[in-house]
Amino acid sequence: MAKKVAFITGAAQGIGKAIAERLTKDGFAIAVADFNIEGAQKTADELNKTGQAIAVQLDVSKRDEVFAAVEKTVAELGDLNVVVNNAGLGPTTPIETITEEQFEKVYAVNVGSIYWGIQAAIKAFRDKGHGGKIINASSQAGQVGNPNLALYSGTKFAIRGITQTAARDLAKDGITVNAYCPGIVKTPMMMDIAHQVGQENGKDDEWGMKQFSKDIALGRLSEPSDVAACVSYLAGPDSDYMTGQALLIDGGMVFN
């Protein structure tokens, strides 16, 4: 049986890299898609020790680049079955300080990438004559507004709405669309946010991180592998009857 193929954006580091590692263990061939091609190639080289992977460069905010990256993936790996729209930005933005430039950049990356990733996935799935799975990165901050994250939270709420609408629109094509909602994960992006929050309050990075992690029921920060396990479920056959959902994987920060 031919190996299934997963295309993952923002996969050079952090959650995206953990997802790539987990899906490699699950038997997928991986397209490590990232703006940082050196980092993407390093991750792909690591994955090739136990599986099959390629590195693909793209700016996820650019529609043509997303389509080109997906087309390269199909050409080199032979198919496409799962698209994980993971890439995103998480700046600290008190609502009164948001500029037009910040708004345009964060929405172009966080929301634009979801639209373009979905569109490119649809084309690839249809060209191959089969359905597939689209998995979008939302957030705990897309379930409950978080202080000082007005731009980020806004984009992550939007992604839940896009996910639900796309799930309805694409069900007839055998395409499922779901999202995952991480909480406080130990990634470079989260450390940057904690640093910014700490600086704004005259405190250190540890203090900044505690502002986000103090209400986690399980009492610990998330590892990227925790999130990757959730995505593994969404990418695998056990979630075939699930669509339009946004799964919280936050250690017990939000209860729905």
C-alpha atoms as a PDB file:
ATOM      1  CA  MET A   1       0.000   0.000   0.000  1.00  0.00           C
ATOM      2  CA  ALA A   2       1.315   3.443  -0.934  1.00  0.00           C
ATOM      3  CA  LYS A   3       2.521   5.612   1.930  1.00  0.00           C
ATOM      4  CA  LYS A   4       0.229   8.486   2.914  1.00  0.00           C
ATOM      5  CA  VAL A   5       1.595  12.011   2.634  1.00  0.00           C
ATOM      6  CA  ALA A   6       1.223  14.915   5.074  1.00  0.00           C
ATOM      7  CA  PHE A   7       2.034  18.561   4.336  1.00  0.00           C
ATOM      8  CA  ILE A   8       2.776  20.566   7.505  1.00  0.00           C
ATOM      9  CA  THR A   9       3.409  24.316   7.627  1.00  0.00           C
ATOM     10  CA  GLY A  10       5.646  25.888  10.261  1.00  0.00           C
ATOM     11  CA  ALA A  11       7.321  22.506  10.688  1.00  0.00           C
ATOM     12  CA  ALA A  12      10.929  23.617  11.137  1.00  0.00           C
ATOM     13  CA  GLN A  13      10.540  23.985  14.909  1.00  0.00           C
ATOM     14  CA  GLY A  14       8.148  23.915  17.850  1.00  0.00           C
ATOM     15  CA  ILE A  15       4.724  22.321  17.528  1.00  0.00           C
ATOM     16  CA  GLY A  16       5.060  21.890  13.772  1.00  0.00           C
ATOM     17  CA  LYS A  17       8.278  19.919  14.123  1.00  0.00           C
ATOM     18  CA  ALA A  18       6.716  17.729  16.819  1.00  0.00           C
ATOM     19  CA  ILE A  19       3.764  17.052  14.500  1.00  0.00           C
ATOM     20  CA  ALA A  20       6.151  16.092  11.703  1.00  0.00           C
ATOM     21  CA  GLU A  21       7.999  13.729  14.035  1.00  0.00           C
ATOM     22  CA  ARG A  22       4.780  12.107  15.260  1.00  0.00           C
ATOM     23  CA  LEU A  23       3.263  11.678  11.790  1.00  0.00           C
ATOM     24  CA  THR A  24       6.530  10.148  10.600  1.00  0.00           C
ATOM     25  CA  LYS A  25       6.134   7.545  13.373  1.00  0.00           C
ATOM     26  CA  ASP A  26       2.553   7.056  12.172  1.00  0.00           C
ATOM     27  CA  GLY A  27       3.873   6.108   8.731  1.00  0.00           C
ATOM     28  CA  PHE A  28       3.378   9.319   6.764  1.00  0.00           C
ATOM     29  CA  ALA A  29       5.817  10.793   4.289  1.00  0.00           C
ATOM     30  CA  ILE A  30       6.241  14.430   5.330  1.00  0.00           C
ATOM     31  CA  ALA A  31       6.576  17.761   3.550  1.00  0.00           C
ATOM     32  CA  VAL A  32       8.301  20.038   6.071  1.00  0.00           C
ATOM     33  CA  ALA A  33       7.025  23.427   4.882  1.00  0.00           C
ATOM     34  CA  ASP A  34       8.477  26.568   6.415  1.00  0.00           C
ATOM     35  CA  PHE A  35       9.695  30.082   5.600  1.00  0.00           C
ATOM     36  CA  ASN A  36      13.006  29.083   7.214  1.00  0.00           C
ATOM     37  CA  ILE A  37      14.301  26.669   4.592  1.00  0.00           C
ATOM     38  CA  GLU A  38      17.510  25.915   6.533  1.00  0.00           C
ATOM     39  CA  GLY A  39      15.469  24.856   9.562  1.00  0.00           C
ATOM     40  CA  ALA A  40      13.055  22.921   7.373  1.00  0.00           C
ATOM     41  CA  GLN A  41      15.902  21.056   5.710  1.00  0.00           C
ATOM     42  CA  LYS A  42      17.443  20.212   9.082  1.00  0.00           C
ATOM     43  CA  THR A  43      14.121  18.781  10.279  1.00  0.00           C
ATOM     44  CA  ALA A  44      13.661  16.855   7.022  1.00  0.00           C
ATOM     45  CA  ASP A  45      17.167  15.396   7.338  1.00  0.00           C
ATOM     46  CA  GLU A  46      16.336  14.195  10.851  1.00  0.00           C
ATOM     47  CA  LEU A  47      13.069  12.640   9.703  1.00  0.00           C
ATOM     48  CA  ASN A  48      14.765  10.876   6.803  1.00  0.00           C
ATOM     49  CA  LYS A  49      16.729   8.775   9.297  1.00  0.00           C
ATOM     50  CA  THR A  50      13.561   6.828  10.082  1.00  0.00           C
ATOM     51  CA  GLY A  51      11.080   7.857   7.381  1.00  0.00           C
ATOM     52  CA  GLN A  52      10.669   9.964   4.268  1.00  0.00           C
ATOM     53  CA  ALA A  53      10.594  13.761   4.195  1.00  0.00           C
ATOM     54  CA  ILE A  54      11.300  16.757   1.997  1.00  0.00           C
ATOM     55  CA  ALA A  55      11.819  20.421   2.865  1.00  0.00           C
ATOM     56  CA  VAL A  56       9.680  23.025   1.118  1.00  0.00           C
ATOM     57  CA  GLN A  57      10.052  26.791   1.439  1.00  0.00           C
ATOM     58  CA  LEU A  58       7.044  29.109   1.431  1.00  0.00           C
ATOM     59  CA  ASP A  59       5.529  32.251   2.859  1.00  0.00           C
ATOM     60  CA  VAL A  60       2.159  31.005   4.112  1.00  0.00           C
ATOM     61  CA  SER A  61       0.599  34.445   3.672  1.00  0.00           C
ATOM     62  CA  LYS A  62       1.128  34.214  -0.115  1.00  0.00           C
ATOM     63  CA  ARG A  63      -1.492  32.164  -1.947  1.00  0.00           C
ATOM     64  CA  ASP A  64       0.701  31.341  -4.937  1.00  0.00           C
ATOM     65  CA  GLU A  65       3.538  30.131  -2.707  1.00  0.00           C
ATOM     66  CA  VAL A  66       1.223  27.835  -0.758  1.00  0.00           C
ATOM     67  CA  PHE A  67      -0.144  26.317  -3.967  1.00  0.00           C
ATOM     68  CA  ALA A  68       3.381  25.892  -5.370  1.00  0.00           C
ATOM     69  CA  ALA A  69       4.567  24.185  -2.179  1.00  0.00           C
ATOM     70  CA  VAL A  70       1.640  21.756  -2.211  1.00  0.00           C
ATOM     71  CA  GLU A  71       2.210  21.019  -5.906  1.00  0.00           C
ATOM     72  CA  LYS A  72       5.901  20.327  -5.196  1.00  0.00           C
ATOM     73  CA  THR A  73       4.885  17.982  -2.392  1.00  0.00           C
ATOM     74  CA  VAL A  74       2.616  15.953  -4.671  1.00  0.00           C
ATOM     75  CA  ALA A  75       5.228  15.871  -7.438  1.00  0.00           C
ATOM     76  CA  GLU A  76       8.015  14.644  -5.132  1.00  0.00           C
ATOM     77  CA  LEU A  77       6.105  12.426  -2.695  1.00  0.00           C
ATOM     78  CA  GLY A  78       3.427  11.151  -5.073  1.00  0.00           C
ATOM     79  CA  ASP A  79       0.236  11.990  -3.228  1.00  0.00           C
ATOM     80  CA  LEU A  80      -1.341  14.184  -0.550  1.00  0.00           C
ATOM     81  CA  ASN A  81      -3.693  12.988   2.174  1.00  0.00           C
ATOM     82  CA  VAL A  82      -3.331  15.375   5.113  1.00  0.00           C
ATOM     83  CA  VAL A  83      -2.690  19.126   5.231  1.00  0.00           C
ATOM     84  CA  VAL A  84      -1.795  20.623   8.615  1.00  0.00           C
ATOM     85  CA  ASN A  85      -2.080  24.423   8.563  1.00  0.00           C
ATOM     86  CA  ASN A  86       0.104  24.948  11.613  1.00  0.00           C
ATOM     87  CA  ALA A  87       2.168  28.089  10.916  1.00  0.00           C
ATOM     88  CA  GLY A  88       1.306  31.264  12.788  1.00  0.00           C
ATOM     89  CA  LEU A  89       2.442  34.372  14.629  1.00  0.00           C
ATOM     90  CA  GLY A  90       1.746  35.168  18.291  1.00  0.00           C
ATOM     91  CA  PRO A  91       2.689  38.755  19.106  1.00  0.00           C
ATOM     92  CA  THR A  92       1.774  40.426  22.366  1.00  0.00           C
ATOM     93  CA  THR A  93      -0.552  43.289  21.411  1.00  0.00           C
ATOM     94  CA  PRO A  94      -2.463  45.257  24.049  1.00  0.00           C
ATOM     95  CA  ILE A  95      -5.567  46.287  22.156  1.00  0.00           C
ATOM     96  CA  GLU A  96      -4.915  50.038  22.336  1.00  0.00           C
ATOM     97  CA  THR A  97      -1.474  49.642  20.737  1.00  0.00           C
ATOM     98  CA  ILE A  98      -2.418  47.628  17.628  1.00  0.00           C
ATOM     99  CA  THR A  99      -1.259  49.231  14.377  1.00  0.00           C
ATOM    100  CA  GLU A 100      -2.495  48.700  10.822  1.00  0.00           C
ATOM    101  CA  GLU A 101       0.836  47.085   9.962  1.00  0.00           C
ATOM    102  CA  GLN A 102       0.523  44.583  12.821  1.00  0.00           C
ATOM    103  CA  PHE A 103      -3.088  43.822  11.926  1.00  0.00           C
ATOM    104  CA  GLU A 104      -2.298  43.189   8.261  1.00  0.00           C
ATOM    105  CA  LYS A 105       0.743  41.010   9.007  1.00  0.00           C
ATOM    106  CA  VAL A 106      -0.814  38.822  11.704  1.00  0.00           C
ATOM    107  CA  TYR A 107      -4.091  38.276   9.854  1.00  0.00           C
ATOM    108  CA  ALA A 108      -2.252  37.571   6.584  1.00  0.00           C
ATOM    109  CA  VAL A 109      -0.166  34.862   8.245  1.00  0.00           C
ATOM    110  CA  ASN A 110      -2.596  33.373  10.756  1.00  0.00           C
ATOM    111  CA  VAL A 111      -5.837  33.594   8.779  1.00  0.00           C
ATOM    112  CA  GLY A 112      -4.650  33.957   5.196  1.00  0.00           C
ATOM    113  CA  SER A 113      -2.592  30.784   5.540  1.00  0.00           C
ATOM    114  CA  ILE A 114      -5.696  28.848   6.541  1.00  0.00           C
ATOM    115  CA  TYR A 115      -7.639  29.942   3.462  1.00  0.00           C
ATOM    116  CA  TRP A 116      -4.747  29.256   1.087  1.00  0.00           C
ATOM    117  CA  GLY A 117      -3.895  25.952   2.741  1.00  0.00           C
ATOM    118  CA  ILE A 118      -7.496  24.797   2.470  1.00  0.00           C
ATOM    119  CA  GLN A 119      -7.729  25.871  -1.170  1.00  0.00           C
ATOM    120  CA  ALA A 120      -4.472  24.148  -2.106  1.00  0.00           C
ATOM    121  CA  ALA A 121      -5.549  20.988  -0.279  1.00  0.00           C
ATOM    122  CA  ILE A 122      -8.885  20.898  -2.100  1.00  0.00           C
ATOM    123  CA  LYS A 123      -7.169  21.141  -5.483  1.00  0.00           C
ATOM    124  CA  ALA A 124      -4.642  18.442  -4.645  1.00  0.00           C
ATOM    125  CA  PHE A 125      -7.241  16.051  -3.225  1.00  0.00           C
ATOM    126  CA  ARG A 126      -9.519  16.518  -6.225  1.00  0.00           C
ATOM    127  CA  ASP A 127      -6.652  16.132  -8.691  1.00  0.00           C
ATOM    128  CA  LYS A 128      -5.815  12.821  -7.038  1.00  0.00           C
ATOM    129  CA  GLY A 129      -9.451  11.733  -7.059  1.00  0.00           C
ATOM    130  CA  HIS A 130      -9.849  11.176  -3.329  1.00  0.00           C
ATOM    131  CA  GLY A 131     -10.809  12.937  -0.125  1.00  0.00           C
ATOM    132  CA  GLY A 132      -8.468  13.953   2.633  1.00  0.00           C
ATOM    133  CA  LYS A 133      -8.011  15.653   5.959  1.00  0.00           C
ATOM    134  CA  ILE A 134      -7.404  19.332   6.625  1.00  0.00           C
ATOM    135  CA  ILE A 135      -6.238  20.203  10.138  1.00  0.00           C
ATOM    136  CA  ASN A 136      -5.998  23.829  11.263  1.00  0.00           C
ATOM    137  CA  ALA A 137      -4.152  25.363  14.212  1.00  0.00           C
ATOM    138  CA  SER A 138      -6.482  27.319  16.467  1.00  0.00           C
ATOM    139  CA  SER A 139      -5.707  27.835  20.164  1.00  0.00           C
ATOM    140  CA  GLN A 140      -7.009  27.920  23.696  1.00  0.00           C
ATOM    141  CA  ALA A 141      -6.911  31.678  22.968  1.00  0.00           C
ATOM    142  CA  GLY A 142      -9.415  30.973  20.202  1.00  0.00           C
ATOM    143  CA  GLN A 143     -11.855  29.650  22.803  1.00  0.00           C
ATOM    144  CA  VAL A 144     -11.416  32.364  25.458  1.00  0.00           C
ATOM    145  CA  GLY A 145      -9.927  35.811  24.876  1.00  0.00           C
ATOM    146  CA  ASN A 146      -6.521  36.120  26.543  1.00  0.00           C
ATOM    147  CA  PRO A 147      -5.151  39.392  27.983  1.00  0.00           C
ATOM    148  CA  ASN A 148      -2.752  41.296  25.706  1.00  0.00           C
ATOM    149  CA  LEU A 149      -3.380  38.907  22.812  1.00  0.00           C
ATOM    150  CA  ALA A 150      -6.141  40.770  20.997  1.00  0.00           C
ATOM    151  CA  LEU A 151      -4.722  40.166  17.513  1.00  0.00           C
ATOM    152  CA  TYR A 152      -3.706  36.565  18.131  1.00  0.00           C
ATOM    153  CA  SER A 153      -6.967  35.618  19.848  1.00  0.00           C
ATOM    154  CA  GLY A 154      -8.965  37.270  17.065  1.00  0.00           C
ATOM    155  CA  THR A 155      -7.228  35.194  14.424  1.00  0.00           C
ATOM    156  CA  LYS A 156      -7.650  31.973  16.363  1.00  0.00           C
ATOM    157  CA  PHE A 157     -11.379  32.575  16.892  1.00  0.00           C
ATOM    158  CA  ALA A 158     -11.614  33.222  13.138  1.00  0.00           C
ATOM    159  CA  ILE A 159      -9.917  29.913  12.381  1.00  0.00           C
ATOM    160  CA  ARG A 160     -12.598  28.029  14.305  1.00  0.00           C
ATOM    161  CA  GLY A 161     -15.282  29.675  12.167  1.00  0.00           C
ATOM    162  CA  ILE A 162     -13.428  28.945   8.937  1.00  0.00           C
ATOM    163  CA  THR A 163     -12.977  25.335  10.042  1.00  0.00           C
ATOM    164  CA  GLN A 164     -16.693  24.883  10.687  1.00  0.00           C
ATOM    165  CA  THR A 165     -17.716  26.453   7.380  1.00  0.00           C
ATOM    166  CA  ALA A 166     -15.161  24.502   5.359  1.00  0.00           C
ATOM    167  CA  ALA A 167     -16.280  21.269   7.040  1.00  0.00           C
ATOM    168  CA  ARG A 168     -19.824  21.848   5.804  1.00  0.00           C
ATOM    169  CA  ASP A 169     -18.729  22.906   2.324  1.00  0.00           C
ATOM    170  CA  LEU A 170     -16.293  20.038   1.749  1.00  0.00           C
ATOM    171  CA  ALA A 171     -18.052  17.063   3.340  1.00  0.00           C
ATOM    172  CA  LYS A 172     -19.515  16.089  -0.026  1.00  0.00           C
ATOM    173  CA  ASP A 173     -15.964  15.680  -1.353  1.00  0.00           C
ATOM    174  CA  GLY A 174     -14.956  13.306   1.423  1.00  0.00           C
ATOM    175  CA  ILE A 175     -12.780  15.993   3.000  1.00  0.00           C
ATOM    176  CA  THR A 176     -12.869  16.476   6.758  1.00  0.00           C
ATOM    177  CA  VAL A 177     -11.795  19.756   8.343  1.00  0.00           C
ATOM    178  CA  ASN A 178     -10.924  19.990  12.024  1.00  0.00           C
ATOM    179  CA  ALA A 179      -8.784  22.139  14.295  1.00  0.00           C
ATOM    180  CA  TYR A 180      -6.619  21.705  17.370  1.00  0.00           C
ATOM    181  CA  CYS A 181      -6.423  24.232  20.187  1.00  0.00           C
ATOM    182  CA  PRO A 182      -3.186  24.098  22.191  1.00  0.00           C
ATOM    183  CA  GLY A 183      -2.765  25.852  25.499  1.00  0.00           C
ATOM    184  CA  ILE A 184       0.592  26.978  26.879  1.00  0.00           C
ATOM    185  CA  VAL A 185       3.210  24.990  25.002  1.00  0.00           C
ATOM    186  CA  LYS A 186       6.946  25.120  25.563  1.00  0.00           C
ATOM    187  CA  THR A 187       7.938  26.527  22.170  1.00  0.00           C
ATOM    188  CA  PRO A 188      10.188  29.396  21.043  1.00  0.00           C
ATOM    189  CA  MET A 189       7.088  31.457  20.164  1.00  0.00           C
ATOM    190  CA  MET A 190       5.600  30.996  23.628  1.00  0.00           C
ATOM    191  CA  MET A 191       8.865  31.961  25.270  1.00  0.00           C
ATOM    192  CA  ASP A 192       8.904  35.155  23.186  1.00  0.00           C
ATOM    193  CA  ILE A 193       5.380  35.998  24.366  1.00  0.00           C
ATOM    194  CA  ALA A 194       6.333  35.353  27.990  1.00  0.00           C
ATOM    195  CA  HIS A 195       9.401  37.550  27.573  1.00  0.00           C
ATOM    196  CA  GLN A 196       7.308  40.409  26.162  1.00  0.00           C
ATOM    197  CA  VAL A 197       4.703  40.153  28.926  1.00  0.00           C
ATOM    198  CA  GLY A 198       7.421  40.074  31.582  1.00  0.00           C
ATOM    199  CA  GLN A 199       9.204  43.085  30.125  1.00  0.00           C
ATOM    200  CA  GLU A 200       6.008  45.132  29.979  1.00  0.00           C
ATOM    201  CA  ASN A 201       5.504  44.501  33.693  1.00  0.00           C
ATOM    202  CA  GLY A 202       9.113  44.878  34.800  1.00  0.00           C
ATOM    203  CA  LYS A 203       9.396  41.147  35.495  1.00  0.00           C
ATOM    204  CA  ASP A 204      11.413  38.223  34.131  1.00  0.00           C
ATOM    205  CA  ASP A 205      10.497  35.540  31.580  1.00  0.00           C
ATOM    206  CA  GLU A 206       9.483  33.033  34.259  1.00  0.00           C
ATOM    207  CA  TRP A 207       6.973  35.519  35.678  1.00  0.00           C
ATOM    208  CA  GLY A 208       5.600  36.114  32.189  1.00  0.00           C
ATOM    209  CA  MET A 209       5.108  32.406  31.589  1.00  0.00           C
ATOM    210  CA  LYS A 210       3.375  31.927  34.932  1.00  0.00           C
ATOM    211  CA  GLN A 211       0.743  34.498  33.948  1.00  0.00           C
ATOM    212  CA  PHE A 212      -0.386  32.095  31.247  1.00  0.00           C
ATOM    213  CA  SER A 213       0.204  28.778  33.019  1.00  0.00           C
ATOM    214  CA  LYS A 214      -1.096  29.376  36.540  1.00  0.00           C
ATOM    215  CA  ASP A 215      -4.597  28.085  35.797  1.00  0.00           C
ATOM    216  CA  ILE A 216      -3.688  24.780  34.102  1.00  0.00           C
ATOM    217  CA  ALA A 217      -5.592  21.998  35.877  1.00  0.00           C
ATOM    218  CA  LEU A 218      -2.941  19.351  35.203  1.00  0.00           C
ATOM    219  CA  GLY A 219      -0.315  21.586  36.764  1.00  0.00           C
ATOM    220  CA  ARG A 220       2.282  21.607  34.001  1.00  0.00           C
ATOM    221  CA  LEU A 221       3.071  23.311  30.732  1.00  0.00           C
ATOM    222  CA  SER A 222       2.380  21.389  27.549  1.00  0.00           C
ATOM    223  CA  GLU A 223       5.136  19.720  25.598  1.00  0.00           C
ATOM    224  CA  PRO A 224       4.929  20.013  21.786  1.00  0.00           C
ATOM    225  CA  SER A 225       4.512  16.222  21.730  1.00  0.00           C
ATOM    226  CA  ASP A 226       1.223  16.574  23.646  1.00  0.00           C
ATOM    227  CA  VAL A 227      -0.206  18.642  20.794  1.00  0.00           C
ATOM    228  CA  ALA A 228       1.295  16.344  18.174  1.00  0.00           C
ATOM    229  CA  ALA A 229      -0.577  13.404  19.716  1.00  0.00           C
ATOM    230  CA  CYS A 230      -3.863  15.260  19.222  1.00  0.00           C
ATOM    231  CA  VAL A 231      -2.984  16.027  15.596  1.00  0.00           C
ATOM    232  CA  SER A 232      -2.036  12.380  15.093  1.00  0.00           C
ATOM    233  CA  TYR A 233      -5.588  11.444  16.054  1.00  0.00           C
ATOM    234  CA  LEU A 234      -7.059  14.019  13.661  1.00  0.00           C
ATOM    235  CA  ALA A 235      -4.778  12.791  10.859  1.00  0.00           C
ATOM    236  CA  GLY A 236      -5.545   9.117  11.407  1.00  0.00           C
ATOM    237  CA  PRO A 237      -8.477   6.817  10.636  1.00  0.00           C
ATOM    238  CA  ASP A 238      -9.976   6.967  14.138  1.00  0.00           C
ATOM    239  CA  SER A 239     -11.220  10.514  13.413  1.00  0.00           C
ATOM    240  CA  ASP A 240     -12.833   9.675  10.059  1.00  0.00           C
ATOM    241  CA  TYR A 241     -16.328  10.443  11.414  1.00  0.00           C
ATOM    242  CA  MET A 242     -15.307  13.784  12.897  1.00  0.00           C
ATOM    243  CA  THR A 243     -15.480  17.102  11.068  1.00  0.00           C
ATOM    244  CA  GLY A 244     -15.930  20.767  11.953  1.00  0.00           C
ATOM    245  CA  GLN A 245     -14.514  20.315  15.453  1.00  0.00           C
ATOM    246  CA  ALA A 246     -11.872  22.240  17.396  1.00  0.00           C
ATOM    247  CA  LEU A 247     -10.229  19.958  19.964  1.00  0.00           C
ATOM    248  CA  LEU A 248      -8.791  21.574  23.082  1.00  0.00           C
ATOM    249  CA  ILE A 249      -5.450  20.139  24.138  1.00  0.00           C
ATOM    250  CA  ASP A 250      -4.602  22.566  26.929  1.00  0.00           C
ATOM    251  CA  GLY A 251      -4.175  20.524  30.120  1.00  0.00           C
ATOM    252  CA  GLY A 252      -7.448  21.838  31.527  1.00  0.00           C
ATOM    253  CA  MET A 253      -7.504  25.595  31.005  1.00  0.00           C
ATOM    254  CA  VAL A 254     -10.883  25.814  29.273  1.00  0.00           C
ATOM    255  CA  PHE A 255     -13.789  23.442  29.865  1.00  0.00           C
ATOM    256  CA  ASN A 256     -16.528  23.210  27.201  1.00  0.00           C
END
